[in-house]
Every structure is written in structure tokens, then in C-alpha cells.
Amino acid sequence: MLSYRLVWELREGVLYASIFGEQDSFELTMSAVLEIAKVCRERKAEKLLVEHEVPGALTSTEIYNIAKELPDLFLGVQVAFVIHDATVPVNPEFLQLVARNRGANGRLFETVAEAERWLLGTK
């Protein structure tokens, strides 16, 4: 059974999605990503900030399999990711590299404030 919770907020034209859970897995993250993409389409969101607050590590293959789907799932959406508690520090960067190489308009940030500045075009 997948155990995660999504918390939504809309501020200044940015849709915020926070993912909470006890232990990360490919199935959990992919399920959450698919749900977030569905809500983005339903709300016609153009800017999205995702905070991932689920401890644990995915394999490089799992990261790749998620990242390669992101450009199609979030077509036309500017996406900022803030990944808290990355057990393997290179995994978020690998996710960003794969997704951007496939045309995603997304970036990884260390803080929500940095992500907001990028999404809102402020410095």
C-alpha cells in the first residue's frame, strides 16, 4: 500500500504541492508525480513548486524512469523541485539532468525561497 499525503496551495499564480510520507519508493514517488500532473492539467497550472519530504533513496534506474516521464507529464508547466532529506545527494541532480535533457522546463533548488524566485522571475 502506498502511503503518502499531498498538500496543495495556490499562491501568486504558483501551484504548490508538498509530498509527505514515511519511506520513499519508486511506486510512491511515481504515484505522487502522476497525481500532481493530473491536478496541474485540471487546474491549468503553468507554474508548479514541488516539495518532496519523504525520506529514503531510490536507485539510479528508478530515478531515471521517473525523470524520463516528467517532460510529457508536465508539458507547458514550469516546475521547481525542492527535495528535502535526499539520502543520496546526487539523485536529485541526476533527476534534473535526465528531465532537462528530455526537454523539461524544471529545476532543482535547495530552498523554497530560491524556487519561488525562479518561478516568479525575481532575484
PDB file of N, CA and C in Angstrom:
ATOM      1  N   MET A   1       0.843  -1.187   0.000  1.00  0.00           N
ATOM      2  CA  MET A   1       0.000   0.000   0.000  1.00  0.00           C
ATOM      3  C   MET A   1       0.888   1.251   0.000  1.00  0.00           C
ATOM      4  N   LEU A   2       0.560   2.179  -0.867  1.00  0.00           N
ATOM      5  CA  LEU A   2       1.301   3.423  -0.941  1.00  0.00           C
ATOM      6  C   LEU A   2       0.813   4.363   0.141  1.00  0.00           C
ATOM      7  N   SER A   3       1.736   4.904   0.882  1.00  0.00           N
ATOM      8  CA  SER A   3       1.365   5.781   1.979  1.00  0.00           C
ATOM      9  C   SER A   3       2.062   7.128   1.812  1.00  0.00           C
ATOM     10  N   TYR A   4       1.334   8.068   1.219  1.00  0.00           N
ATOM     11  CA  TYR A   4       1.833   9.425   1.112  1.00  0.00           C
ATOM     12  C   TYR A   4       0.656  10.373   1.217  1.00  0.00           C
ATOM     13  N   ARG A   5       0.975  11.626   1.451  1.00  0.00           N
ATOM     14  CA  ARG A   5      -0.051  12.657   1.554  1.00  0.00           C
ATOM     15  C   ARG A   5       0.417  13.847   0.729  1.00  0.00           C
ATOM     16  N   LEU A   6      -0.501  14.407  -0.052  1.00  0.00           N
ATOM     17  CA  LEU A   6      -0.211  15.611  -0.826  1.00  0.00           C
ATOM     18  C   LEU A   6      -0.953  16.786  -0.199  1.00  0.00           C
ATOM     19  N   VAL A   7      -0.249  17.891  -0.049  1.00  0.00           N
ATOM     20  CA  VAL A   7      -0.848  19.120   0.459  1.00  0.00           C
ATOM     21  C   VAL A   7      -0.737  20.159  -0.654  1.00  0.00           C
ATOM     22  N   TRP A   8      -1.854  20.807  -0.958  1.00  0.00           N
ATOM     23  CA  TRP A   8      -1.925  21.752  -2.071  1.00  0.00           C
ATOM     24  C   TRP A   8      -2.103  23.174  -1.570  1.00  0.00           C
ATOM     25  N   GLU A   9      -1.534  24.111  -2.331  1.00  0.00           N
ATOM     26  CA  GLU A   9      -1.737  25.525  -2.047  1.00  0.00           C
ATOM     27  C   GLU A   9      -1.535  26.287  -3.360  1.00  0.00           C
ATOM     28  N   LEU A  10      -2.304  27.342  -3.557  1.00  0.00           N
ATOM     29  CA  LEU A  10      -2.149  28.204  -4.727  1.00  0.00           C
ATOM     30  C   LEU A  10      -1.819  29.603  -4.229  1.00  0.00           C
ATOM     31  N   ARG A  11      -0.634  30.100  -4.652  1.00  0.00           N
ATOM     32  CA  ARG A  11      -0.191  31.437  -4.246  1.00  0.00           C
ATOM     33  C   ARG A  11       0.453  32.142  -5.428  1.00  0.00           C
ATOM     34  N   GLU A  12       0.033  33.354  -5.678  1.00  0.00           N
ATOM     35  CA  GLU A  12       0.648  34.206  -6.703  1.00  0.00           C
ATOM     36  C   GLU A  12       0.805  33.486  -8.040  1.00  0.00           C
ATOM     37  N   GLY A  13      -0.189  32.706  -8.420  1.00  0.00           N
ATOM     38  CA  GLY A  13      -0.143  32.011  -9.698  1.00  0.00           C
ATOM     39  C   GLY A  13       0.726  30.767  -9.711  1.00  0.00           C
ATOM     40  N   VAL A  14       1.232  30.356  -8.553  1.00  0.00           N
ATOM     41  CA  VAL A  14       2.064  29.161  -8.446  1.00  0.00           C
ATOM     42  C   VAL A  14       1.287  28.101  -7.666  1.00  0.00           C
ATOM     43  N   LEU A  15       1.190  26.905  -8.236  1.00  0.00           N
ATOM     44  CA  LEU A  15       0.588  25.778  -7.545  1.00  0.00           C
ATOM     45  C   LEU A  15       1.684  25.084  -6.739  1.00  0.00           C
ATOM     46  N   TYR A  16       1.457  24.947  -5.437  1.00  0.00           N
ATOM     47  CA  TYR A  16       2.404  24.280  -4.542  1.00  0.00           C
ATOM     48  C   TYR A  16       1.869  22.886  -4.241  1.00  0.00           C
ATOM     49  N   ALA A  17       2.744  21.897  -4.351  1.00  0.00           N
ATOM     50  CA  ALA A  17       2.398  20.519  -3.994  1.00  0.00           C
ATOM     51  C   ALA A  17       3.491  19.993  -3.076  1.00  0.00           C
ATOM     52  N   SER A  18       3.112  19.636  -1.869  1.00  0.00           N
ATOM     53  CA  SER A  18       4.060  19.056  -0.917  1.00  0.00           C
ATOM     54  C   SER A  18       3.720  17.592  -0.729  1.00  0.00           C
ATOM     55  N   ILE A  19       4.743  16.745  -0.884  1.00  0.00           N
ATOM     56  CA  ILE A  19       4.575  15.296  -0.739  1.00  0.00           C
ATOM     57  C   ILE A  19       5.182  14.886   0.602  1.00  0.00           C
ATOM     58  N   PHE A  20       4.377  14.220   1.425  1.00  0.00           N
ATOM     59  CA  PHE A  20       4.831  13.724   2.718  1.00  0.00           C
ATOM     60  C   PHE A  20       4.637  12.217   2.761  1.00  0.00           C
ATOM     61  N   GLY A  21       5.577  11.528   3.373  1.00  0.00           N
ATOM     62  CA  GLY A  21       5.457  10.090   3.525  1.00  0.00           C
ATOM     63  C   GLY A  21       6.515   9.574   4.479  1.00  0.00           C
ATOM     64  N   GLU A  22       6.406   8.294   4.825  1.00  0.00           N
ATOM     65  CA  GLU A  22       7.333   7.706   5.784  1.00  0.00           C
ATOM     66  C   GLU A  22       8.585   7.136   5.127  1.00  0.00           C
ATOM     67  N   GLN A  23       8.435   6.507   3.948  1.00  0.00           N
ATOM     68  CA  GLN A  23       9.566   5.862   3.281  1.00  0.00           C
ATOM     69  C   GLN A  23       9.391   5.946   1.774  1.00  0.00           C
ATOM     70  N   ASP A  24      10.394   6.482   1.085  1.00  0.00           N
ATOM     71  CA  ASP A  24      10.306   6.649  -0.361  1.00  0.00           C
ATOM     72  C   ASP A  24      10.424   5.309  -1.073  1.00  0.00           C
ATOM     73  N   SER A  25       9.775   5.232  -2.225  1.00  0.00           N
ATOM     74  CA  SER A  25       9.891   4.084  -3.118  1.00  0.00           C
ATOM     75  C   SER A  25       9.548   4.575  -4.519  1.00  0.00           C
ATOM     76  N   PHE A  26       9.924   3.788  -5.512  1.00  0.00           N
ATOM     77  CA  PHE A  26       9.586   4.150  -6.888  1.00  0.00           C
ATOM     78  C   PHE A  26       8.069   4.292  -7.034  1.00  0.00           C
ATOM     79  N   GLU A  27       7.338   3.336  -6.513  1.00  0.00           N
ATOM     80  CA  GLU A  27       5.880   3.335  -6.651  1.00  0.00           C
ATOM     81  C   GLU A  27       5.261   4.557  -5.983  1.00  0.00           C
ATOM     82  N   LEU A  28       5.748   4.894  -4.790  1.00  0.00           N
ATOM     83  CA  LEU A  28       5.208   6.050  -4.076  1.00  0.00           C
ATOM     84  C   LEU A  28       5.463   7.331  -4.855  1.00  0.00           C
ATOM     85  N   THR A  29       6.714   7.555  -5.249  1.00  0.00           N
ATOM     86  CA  THR A  29       7.042   8.792  -5.951  1.00  0.00           C
ATOM     87  C   THR A  29       6.335   8.872  -7.298  1.00  0.00           C
ATOM     88  N   MET A  30       6.300   7.780  -8.052  1.00  0.00           N
ATOM     89  CA  MET A  30       5.638   7.806  -9.356  1.00  0.00           C
ATOM     90  C   MET A  30       4.146   8.065  -9.197  1.00  0.00           C
ATOM     91  N   SER A  31       3.522   7.460  -8.207  1.00  0.00           N
ATOM     92  CA  SER A  31       2.101   7.687  -7.957  1.00  0.00           C
ATOM     93  C   SER A  31       1.835   9.149  -7.611  1.00  0.00           C
ATOM     94  N   ALA A  32       2.679   9.722  -6.753  1.00  0.00           N
ATOM     95  CA  ALA A  32       2.515  11.128  -6.386  1.00  0.00           C
ATOM     96  C   ALA A  32       2.726  12.040  -7.591  1.00  0.00           C
ATOM     97  N   VAL A  33       3.737  11.753  -8.404  1.00  0.00           N
ATOM     98  CA  VAL A  33       4.022  12.558  -9.599  1.00  0.00           C
ATOM     99  C   VAL A  33       2.835  12.506 -10.567  1.00  0.00           C
ATOM    100  N   LEU A  34       2.269  11.334 -10.770  1.00  0.00           N
ATOM    101  CA  LEU A  34       1.114  11.208 -11.668  1.00  0.00           C
ATOM    102  C   LEU A  34      -0.080  11.986 -11.131  1.00  0.00           C
ATOM    103  N   GLU A  35      -0.291  11.938  -9.827  1.00  0.00           N
ATOM    104  CA  GLU A  35      -1.399  12.689  -9.220  1.00  0.00           C
ATOM    105  C   GLU A  35      -1.173  14.192  -9.352  1.00  0.00           C
ATOM    106  N   ILE A  36       0.055  14.637  -9.133  1.00  0.00           N
ATOM    107  CA  ILE A  36       0.372  16.064  -9.274  1.00  0.00           C
ATOM    108  C   ILE A  36       0.170  16.513 -10.718  1.00  0.00           C
ATOM    109  N   ALA A  37       0.611  15.714 -11.679  1.00  0.00           N
ATOM    110  CA  ALA A  37       0.440  16.057 -13.098  1.00  0.00           C
ATOM    111  C   ALA A  37      -1.040  16.168 -13.449  1.00  0.00           C
ATOM    112  N   LYS A  38      -1.845  15.262 -12.930  1.00  0.00           N
ATOM    113  CA  LYS A  38      -3.292  15.290 -13.190  1.00  0.00           C
ATOM    114  C   LYS A  38      -3.912  16.579 -12.646  1.00  0.00           C
ATOM    115  N   VAL A  39      -3.552  16.948 -11.427  1.00  0.00           N
ATOM    116  CA  VAL A  39      -4.088  18.171 -10.831  1.00  0.00           C
ATOM    117  C   VAL A  39      -3.617  19.399 -11.613  1.00  0.00           C
ATOM    118  N   CYS A  40      -2.368  19.400 -12.070  1.00  0.00           N
ATOM    119  CA  CYS A  40      -1.870  20.515 -12.891  1.00  0.00           C
ATOM    120  C   CYS A  40      -2.716  20.690 -14.149  1.00  0.00           C
ATOM    121  N   ARG A  41      -3.016  19.568 -14.813  1.00  0.00           N
ATOM    122  CA  ARG A  41      -3.847  19.639 -16.024  1.00  0.00           C
ATOM    123  C   ARG A  41      -5.244  20.147 -15.691  1.00  0.00           C
ATOM    124  N   GLU A  42      -5.829  19.624 -14.622  1.00  0.00           N
ATOM    125  CA  GLU A  42      -7.185  20.033 -14.238  1.00  0.00           C
ATOM    126  C   GLU A  42      -7.255  21.519 -13.893  1.00  0.00           C
ATOM    127  N   ARG A  43      -6.232  22.019 -13.246  1.00  0.00           N
ATOM    128  CA  ARG A  43      -6.215  23.427 -12.814  1.00  0.00           C
ATOM    129  C   ARG A  43      -5.549  24.343 -13.833  1.00  0.00           C
ATOM    130  N   LYS A  44      -5.064  23.751 -14.939  1.00  0.00           N
ATOM    131  CA  LYS A  44      -4.364  24.503 -15.985  1.00  0.00           C
ATOM    132  C   LYS A  44      -3.196  25.309 -15.407  1.00  0.00           C
ATOM    133  N   ALA A  45      -2.475  24.678 -14.492  1.00  0.00           N
ATOM    134  CA  ALA A  45      -1.330  25.329 -13.841  1.00  0.00           C
ATOM    135  C   ALA A  45      -0.189  25.508 -14.831  1.00  0.00           C
ATOM    136  N   GLU A  46       0.451  26.662 -14.776  1.00  0.00           N
ATOM    137  CA  GLU A  46       1.614  26.940 -15.609  1.00  0.00           C
ATOM    138  C   GLU A  46       2.906  26.978 -14.802  1.00  0.00           C
ATOM    139  N   LYS A  47       2.770  27.124 -13.475  1.00  0.00           N
ATOM    140  CA  LYS A  47       3.932  27.162 -12.586  1.00  0.00           C
ATOM    141  C   LYS A  47       3.647  26.251 -11.398  1.00  0.00           C
ATOM    142  N   LEU A  48       4.615  25.394 -11.097  1.00  0.00           N
ATOM    143  CA  LEU A  48       4.445  24.392 -10.051  1.00  0.00           C
ATOM    144  C   LEU A  48       5.691  24.331  -9.183  1.00  0.00           C
ATOM    145  N   LEU A  49       5.488  24.307  -7.876  1.00  0.00           N
ATOM    146  CA  LEU A  49       6.585  24.102  -6.944  1.00  0.00           C
ATOM    147  C   LEU A  49       6.288  22.825  -6.166  1.00  0.00           C
ATOM    148  N   VAL A  50       7.173  21.845  -6.293  1.00  0.00           N
ATOM    149  CA  VAL A  50       7.000  20.551  -5.626  1.00  0.00           C
ATOM    150  C   VAL A  50       8.026  20.436  -4.520  1.00  0.00           C
ATOM    151  N   GLU A  51       7.533  20.193  -3.307  1.00  0.00           N
ATOM    152  CA  GLU A  51       8.409  19.887  -2.175  1.00  0.00           C
ATOM    153  C   GLU A  51       8.264  18.410  -1.866  1.00  0.00           C
ATOM    154  N   HIS A  52       9.377  17.707  -1.897  1.00  0.00           N
ATOM    155  CA  HIS A  52       9.386  16.262  -1.651  1.00  0.00           C
ATOM    156  C   HIS A  52       9.966  16.045  -0.260  1.00  0.00           C
ATOM    157  N   GLU A  53       9.117  15.601   0.664  1.00  0.00           N
ATOM    158  CA  GLU A  53       9.541  15.411   2.057  1.00  0.00           C
ATOM    159  C   GLU A  53       9.315  13.970   2.472  1.00  0.00           C
ATOM    160  N   VAL A  54       9.960  13.067   1.732  1.00  0.00           N
ATOM    161  CA  VAL A  54       9.833  11.641   2.007  1.00  0.00           C
ATOM    162  C   VAL A  54      11.243  11.069   2.119  1.00  0.00           C
ATOM    163  N   PRO A  55      11.639  10.610   3.302  1.00  0.00           N
ATOM    164  CA  PRO A  55      12.994  10.069   3.444  1.00  0.00           C
ATOM    165  C   PRO A  55      13.161   8.742   2.713  1.00  0.00           C
ATOM    166  N   GLY A  56      14.380   8.486   2.321  1.00  0.00           N
ATOM    167  CA  GLY A  56      14.692   7.235   1.639  1.00  0.00           C
ATOM    168  C   GLY A  56      15.407   7.508   0.336  1.00  0.00           C
ATOM    169  N   ALA A  57      15.893   6.448  -0.280  1.00  0.00           N
ATOM    170  CA  ALA A  57      16.659   6.584  -1.514  1.00  0.00           C
ATOM    171  C   ALA A  57      16.102   5.667  -2.590  1.00  0.00           C
ATOM    172  N   LEU A  58      16.062   6.185  -3.795  1.00  0.00           N
ATOM    173  CA  LEU A  58      15.694   5.386  -4.960  1.00  0.00           C
ATOM    174  C   LEU A  58      16.974   5.001  -5.694  1.00  0.00           C
ATOM    175  N   THR A  59      16.903   3.948  -6.480  1.00  0.00           N
ATOM    176  CA  THR A  59      18.056   3.557  -7.282  1.00  0.00           C
ATOM    177  C   THR A  59      18.205   4.512  -8.462  1.00  0.00           C
ATOM    178  N   SER A  60      19.367   4.501  -9.086  1.00  0.00           N
ATOM    179  CA  SER A  60      19.583   5.332 -10.275  1.00  0.00           C
ATOM    180  C   SER A  60      18.598   4.973 -11.376  1.00  0.00           C
ATOM    181  N   THR A  61      18.305   3.693 -11.534  1.00  0.00           N
ATOM    182  CA  THR A  61      17.337   3.260 -12.548  1.00  0.00           C
ATOM    183  C   THR A  61      15.950   3.809 -12.242  1.00  0.00           C
ATOM    184  N   GLU A  62      15.562   3.785 -10.980  1.00  0.00           N
ATOM    185  CA  GLU A  62      14.243   4.326 -10.603  1.00  0.00           C
ATOM    186  C   GLU A  62      14.177   5.828 -10.843  1.00  0.00           C
ATOM    187  N   ILE A  63      15.255   6.535 -10.483  1.00  0.00           N
ATOM    188  CA  ILE A  63      15.313   7.979 -10.735  1.00  0.00           C
ATOM    189  C   ILE A  63      15.179   8.240 -12.233  1.00  0.00           C
ATOM    190  N   TYR A  64      15.921   7.501 -13.042  1.00  0.00           N
ATOM    191  CA  TYR A  64      15.866   7.655 -14.499  1.00  0.00           C
ATOM    192  C   TYR A  64      14.449   7.418 -15.016  1.00  0.00           C
ATOM    193  N   ASN A  65      13.809   6.356 -14.553  1.00  0.00           N
ATOM    194  CA  ASN A  65      12.465   6.021 -15.040  1.00  0.00           C
ATOM    195  C   ASN A  65      11.424   7.058 -14.656  1.00  0.00           C
ATOM    196  N   ILE A  66      11.600   7.742 -13.549  1.00  0.00           N
ATOM    197  CA  ILE A  66      10.701   8.846 -13.188  1.00  0.00           C
ATOM    198  C   ILE A  66      11.032  10.063 -14.039  1.00  0.00           C
ATOM    199  N   ALA A  67      12.313  10.415 -14.084  1.00  0.00           N
ATOM    200  CA  ALA A  67      12.745  11.640 -14.765  1.00  0.00           C
ATOM    201  C   ALA A  67      12.390  11.649 -16.237  1.00  0.00           C
ATOM    202  N   LYS A  68      12.481  10.514 -16.908  1.00  0.00           N
ATOM    203  CA  LYS A  68      12.208  10.484 -18.354  1.00  0.00           C
ATOM    204  C   LYS A  68      10.731  10.751 -18.654  1.00  0.00           C
ATOM    205  N   GLU A  69       9.850  10.574 -17.678  1.00  0.00           N
ATOM    206  CA  GLU A  69       8.421  10.830 -17.865  1.00  0.00           C
ATOM    207  C   GLU A  69       8.031  12.290 -17.618  1.00  0.00           C
ATOM    208  N   LEU A  70       8.849  13.019 -16.895  1.00  0.00           N
ATOM    209  CA  LEU A  70       8.489  14.364 -16.464  1.00  0.00           C
ATOM    210  C   LEU A  70       8.194  15.342 -17.604  1.00  0.00           C
ATOM    211  N   PRO A  71       8.985  15.364 -18.688  1.00  0.00           N
ATOM    212  CA  PRO A  71       8.681  16.334 -19.742  1.00  0.00           C
ATOM    213  C   PRO A  71       7.271  16.182 -20.327  1.00  0.00           C
ATOM    214  N   ASP A  72       6.824  14.965 -20.547  1.00  0.00           N
ATOM    215  CA  ASP A  72       5.477  14.762 -21.095  1.00  0.00           C
ATOM    216  C   ASP A  72       4.395  15.019 -20.052  1.00  0.00           C
ATOM    217  N   LEU A  73       4.651  14.605 -18.823  1.00  0.00           N
ATOM    218  CA  LEU A  73       3.657  14.789 -17.764  1.00  0.00           C
ATOM    219  C   LEU A  73       3.422  16.254 -17.447  1.00  0.00           C
ATOM    220  N   PHE A  74       4.469  17.066 -17.536  1.00  0.00           N
ATOM    221  CA  PHE A  74       4.369  18.476 -17.162  1.00  0.00           C
ATOM    222  C   PHE A  74       4.622  19.397 -18.353  1.00  0.00           C
ATOM    223  N   LEU A  75       4.156  18.984 -19.520  1.00  0.00           N
ATOM    224  CA  LEU A  75       4.307  19.778 -20.740  1.00  0.00           C
ATOM    225  C   LEU A  75       3.656  21.153 -20.545  1.00  0.00           C
ATOM    226  N   GLY A  76       4.428  22.204 -20.797  1.00  0.00           N
ATOM    227  CA  GLY A  76       3.904  23.559 -20.666  1.00  0.00           C
ATOM    228  C   GLY A  76       3.884  24.090 -19.247  1.00  0.00           C
ATOM    229  N   VAL A  77       4.460  23.336 -18.317  1.00  0.00           N
ATOM    230  CA  VAL A  77       4.478  23.747 -16.914  1.00  0.00           C
ATOM    231  C   VAL A  77       5.921  23.993 -16.490  1.00  0.00           C
ATOM    232  N   GLN A  78       6.172  25.142 -15.877  1.00  0.00           N
ATOM    233  CA  GLN A  78       7.478  25.455 -15.303  1.00  0.00           C
ATOM    234  C   GLN A  78       7.486  24.846 -13.903  1.00  0.00           C
ATOM    235  N   VAL A  79       8.419  23.918 -13.660  1.00  0.00           N
ATOM    236  CA  VAL A  79       8.406  23.149 -12.417  1.00  0.00           C
ATOM    237  C   VAL A  79       9.688  23.377 -11.618  1.00  0.00           C
ATOM    238  N   ALA A  80       9.504  23.734 -10.351  1.00  0.00           N
ATOM    239  CA  ALA A  80      10.621  23.858  -9.414  1.00  0.00           C
ATOM    240  C   ALA A  80      10.496  22.738  -8.391  1.00  0.00           C
ATOM    241  N   PHE A  81      11.584  22.024  -8.170  1.00  0.00           N
ATOM    242  CA  PHE A  81      11.610  20.929  -7.199  1.00  0.00           C
ATOM    243  C   PHE A  81      12.501  21.308  -6.015  1.00  0.00           C
ATOM    244  N   VAL A  82      12.002  21.051  -4.820  1.00  0.00           N
ATOM    245  CA  VAL A  82      12.802  21.162  -3.606  1.00  0.00           C
ATOM    246  C   VAL A  82      12.708  19.797  -2.939  1.00  0.00           C
ATOM    247  N   ILE A  83      13.840  19.106  -2.893  1.00  0.00           N
ATOM    248  CA  ILE A  83      13.850  17.758  -2.329  1.00  0.00           C
ATOM    249  C   ILE A  83      14.561  17.815  -0.981  1.00  0.00           C
ATOM    250  N   HIS A  84      13.778  17.630   0.069  1.00  0.00           N
ATOM    251  CA  HIS A  84      14.324  17.611   1.425  1.00  0.00           C
ATOM    252  C   HIS A  84      14.762  16.186   1.751  1.00  0.00           C
ATOM    253  N   ASP A  85      15.709  16.054   2.611  1.00  0.00           N
ATOM    254  CA  ASP A  85      16.132  14.738   3.096  1.00  0.00           C
ATOM    255  C   ASP A  85      16.598  13.795   1.994  1.00  0.00           C
ATOM    256  N   ALA A  86      17.346  14.298   1.031  1.00  0.00           N
ATOM    257  CA  ALA A  86      17.881  13.409  -0.010  1.00  0.00           C
ATOM    258  C   ALA A  86      18.953  12.532   0.615  1.00  0.00           C
ATOM    259  N   THR A  87      18.663  11.249   0.733  1.00  0.00           N
ATOM    260  CA  THR A  87      19.607  10.311   1.337  1.00  0.00           C
ATOM    261  C   THR A  87      20.856  10.177   0.469  1.00  0.00           C
ATOM    262  N   VAL A  88      20.650  10.185  -0.836  1.00  0.00           N
ATOM    263  CA  VAL A  88      21.767  10.119  -1.787  1.00  0.00           C
ATOM    264  C   VAL A  88      21.806  11.468  -2.501  1.00  0.00           C
ATOM    265  N   PRO A  89      22.752  12.345  -2.126  1.00  0.00           N
ATOM    266  CA  PRO A  89      22.748  13.716  -2.642  1.00  0.00           C
ATOM    267  C   PRO A  89      22.777  13.842  -4.159  1.00  0.00           C
ATOM    268  N   VAL A  90      23.349  12.867  -4.886  1.00  0.00           N
ATOM    269  CA  VAL A  90      23.417  13.002  -6.341  1.00  0.00           C
ATOM    270  C   VAL A  90      22.098  12.660  -7.028  1.00  0.00           C
ATOM    271  N   ASN A  91      21.191  11.970  -6.358  1.00  0.00           N
ATOM    272  CA  ASN A  91      19.936  11.580  -7.003  1.00  0.00           C
ATOM    273  C   ASN A  91      19.119  12.761  -7.513  1.00  0.00           C
ATOM    274  N   PRO A  92      18.904  13.827  -6.715  1.00  0.00           N
ATOM    275  CA  PRO A  92      18.146  14.961  -7.256  1.00  0.00           C
ATOM    276  C   PRO A  92      18.793  15.584  -8.488  1.00  0.00           C
ATOM    277  N   GLU A  93      20.120  15.702  -8.488  1.00  0.00           N
ATOM    278  CA  GLU A  93      20.802  16.278  -9.647  1.00  0.00           C
ATOM    279  C   GLU A  93      20.647  15.381 -10.880  1.00  0.00           C
ATOM    280  N   PHE A  94      20.699  14.074 -10.671  1.00  0.00           N
ATOM    281  CA  PHE A  94      20.508  13.129 -11.774  1.00  0.00           C
ATOM    282  C   PHE A  94      19.094  13.247 -12.335  1.00  0.00           C
ATOM    283  N   LEU A  95      18.110  13.374 -11.458  1.00  0.00           N
ATOM    284  CA  LEU A  95      16.710  13.567 -11.883  1.00  0.00           C
ATOM    285  C   LEU A  95      16.603  14.811 -12.757  1.00  0.00           C
ATOM    286  N   GLN A  96      17.188  15.908 -12.307  1.00  0.00           N
ATOM    287  CA  GLN A  96      17.141  17.158 -13.057  1.00  0.00           C
ATOM    288  C   GLN A  96      17.831  17.011 -14.407  1.00  0.00           C
ATOM    289  N   LEU A  97      19.002  16.393 -14.430  1.00  0.00           N
ATOM    290  CA  LEU A  97      19.764  16.221 -15.666  1.00  0.00           C
ATOM    291  C   LEU A  97      18.967  15.426 -16.702  1.00  0.00           C
ATOM    292  N   VAL A  98      18.416  14.302 -16.301  1.00  0.00           N
ATOM    293  CA  VAL A  98      17.656  13.460 -17.234  1.00  0.00           C
ATOM    294  C   VAL A  98      16.421  14.204 -17.738  1.00  0.00           C
ATOM    295  N   ALA A  99      15.667  14.815 -16.834  1.00  0.00           N
ATOM    296  CA  ALA A  99      14.432  15.505 -17.236  1.00  0.00           C
ATOM    297  C   ALA A  99      14.730  16.677 -18.167  1.00  0.00           C
ATOM    298  N   ARG A 100      15.725  17.486 -17.842  1.00  0.00           N
ATOM    299  CA  ARG A 100      16.055  18.644 -18.685  1.00  0.00           C
ATOM    300  C   ARG A 100      16.613  18.215 -20.032  1.00  0.00           C
ATOM    301  N   ASN A 101      17.381  17.130 -20.069  1.00  0.00           N
ATOM    302  CA  ASN A 101      17.897  16.627 -21.345  1.00  0.00           C
ATOM    303  C   ASN A 101      16.777  16.160 -22.263  1.00  0.00           C
ATOM    304  N   ARG A 102      15.631  15.873 -21.706  1.00  0.00           N
ATOM    305  CA  ARG A 102      14.474  15.442 -22.492  1.00  0.00           C
ATOM    306  C   ARG A 102      13.466  16.563 -22.719  1.00  0.00           C
ATOM    307  N   GLY A 103      13.845  17.788 -22.351  1.00  0.00           N
ATOM    308  CA  GLY A 103      13.026  18.947 -22.674  1.00  0.00           C
ATOM    309  C   GLY A 103      12.164  19.492 -21.552  1.00  0.00           C
ATOM    310  N   ALA A 104      12.318  19.007 -20.345  1.00  0.00           N
ATOM    311  CA  ALA A 104      11.513  19.521 -19.232  1.00  0.00           C
ATOM    312  C   ALA A 104      11.928  20.947 -18.892  1.00  0.00           C
ATOM    313  N   ASN A 105      10.960  21.746 -18.509  1.00  0.00           N
ATOM    314  CA  ASN A 105      11.215  23.104 -18.039  1.00  0.00           C
ATOM    315  C   ASN A 105      11.180  23.057 -16.512  1.00  0.00           C
ATOM    316  N   GLY A 106      12.195  22.458 -15.935  1.00  0.00           N
ATOM    317  CA  GLY A 106      12.227  22.312 -14.491  1.00  0.00           C
ATOM    318  C   GLY A 106      13.626  22.465 -13.950  1.00  0.00           C
ATOM    319  N   ARG A 107      13.683  22.837 -12.668  1.00  0.00           N
ATOM    320  CA  ARG A 107      14.969  22.988 -11.997  1.00  0.00           C
ATOM    321  C   ARG A 107      14.848  22.518 -10.568  1.00  0.00           C
ATOM    322  N   LEU A 108      15.976  22.159 -10.022  1.00  0.00           N
ATOM    323  CA  LEU A 108      16.091  21.707  -8.650  1.00  0.00           C
ATOM    324  C   LEU A 108      16.650  22.844  -7.801  1.00  0.00           C
ATOM    325  N   PHE A 109      16.080  23.026  -6.619  1.00  0.00           N
ATOM    326  CA  PHE A 109      16.536  24.080  -5.714  1.00  0.00           C
ATOM    327  C   PHE A 109      16.727  23.518  -4.317  1.00  0.00           C
ATOM    328  N   GLU A 110      17.602  24.167  -3.561  1.00  0.00           N
ATOM    329  CA  GLU A 110      17.851  23.733  -2.189  1.00  0.00           C
ATOM    330  C   GLU A 110      16.794  24.266  -1.231  1.00  0.00           C
ATOM    331  N   THR A 111      16.203  25.437  -1.568  1.00  0.00           N
ATOM    332  CA  THR A 111      15.216  26.038  -0.677  1.00  0.00           C
ATOM    333  C   THR A 111      13.970  26.454  -1.456  1.00  0.00           C
ATOM    334  N   VAL A 112      12.876  26.572  -0.732  1.00  0.00           N
ATOM    335  CA  VAL A 112      11.624  27.044  -1.326  1.00  0.00           C
ATOM    336  C   VAL A 112      11.780  28.482  -1.806  1.00  0.00           C
ATOM    337  N   ALA A 113      12.493  29.310  -1.040  1.00  0.00           N
ATOM    338  CA  ALA A 113      12.686  30.713  -1.422  1.00  0.00           C
ATOM    339  C   ALA A 113      13.385  30.831  -2.779  1.00  0.00           C
ATOM    340  N   GLU A 114      14.428  30.025  -3.000  1.00  0.00           N
ATOM    341  CA  GLU A 114      15.121  30.038  -4.300  1.00  0.00           C
ATOM    342  C   GLU A 114      14.173  29.592  -5.416  1.00  0.00           C
ATOM    343  N   ALA A 115      13.401  28.567  -5.160  1.00  0.00           N
ATOM    344  CA  ALA A 115      12.459  28.055  -6.156  1.00  0.00           C
ATOM    345  C   ALA A 115      11.402  29.112  -6.499  1.00  0.00           C
ATOM    346  N   GLU A 116      10.887  29.792  -5.487  1.00  0.00           N
ATOM    347  CA  GLU A 116       9.889  30.835  -5.716  1.00  0.00           C
ATOM    348  C   GLU A 116      10.459  31.970  -6.548  1.00  0.00           C
ATOM    349  N   ARG A 117      11.689  32.372  -6.248  1.00  0.00           N
ATOM    350  CA  ARG A 117      12.308  33.460  -7.030  1.00  0.00           C
ATOM    351  C   ARG A 117      12.411  33.079  -8.503  1.00  0.00           C
ATOM    352  N   TRP A 118      12.813  31.838  -8.781  1.00  0.00           N
ATOM    353  CA  TRP A 118      12.926  31.389 -10.164  1.00  0.00           C
ATOM    354  C   TRP A 118      11.560  31.351 -10.848  1.00  0.00           C
ATOM    355  N   LEU A 119      10.568  30.809 -10.169  1.00  0.00           N
ATOM    356  CA  LEU A 119       9.237  30.706 -10.757  1.00  0.00           C
ATOM    357  C   LEU A 119       8.612  32.080 -10.991  1.00  0.00           C
ATOM    358  N   LEU A 120       8.866  33.010 -10.100  1.00  0.00           N
ATOM    359  CA  LEU A 120       8.254  34.340 -10.202  1.00  0.00           C
ATOM    360  C   LEU A 120       9.132  35.330 -10.966  1.00  0.00           C
ATOM    361  N   GLY A 121      10.328  34.867 -11.388  1.00  0.00           N
ATOM    362  CA  GLY A 121      11.197  35.725 -12.191  1.00  0.00           C
ATOM    363  C   GLY A 121      11.798  36.875 -11.411  1.00  0.00           C
ATOM    364  N   THR A 122      11.965  36.691 -10.090  1.00  0.00           N
ATOM    365  CA  THR A 122      12.571  37.730  -9.274  1.00  0.00           C
ATOM    366  C   THR A 122      13.928  37.276  -8.788  1.00  0.00           C
ATOM    367  N   LYS A 123      14.729  38.227  -8.332  1.00  0.00           N
ATOM    368  CA  LYS A 123      16.081  37.872  -7.866  1.00  0.00           C
ATOM    369  C   LYS A 123      16.215  37.972  -6.400  1.00  0.00           C
TER     370      LYS A 123
END
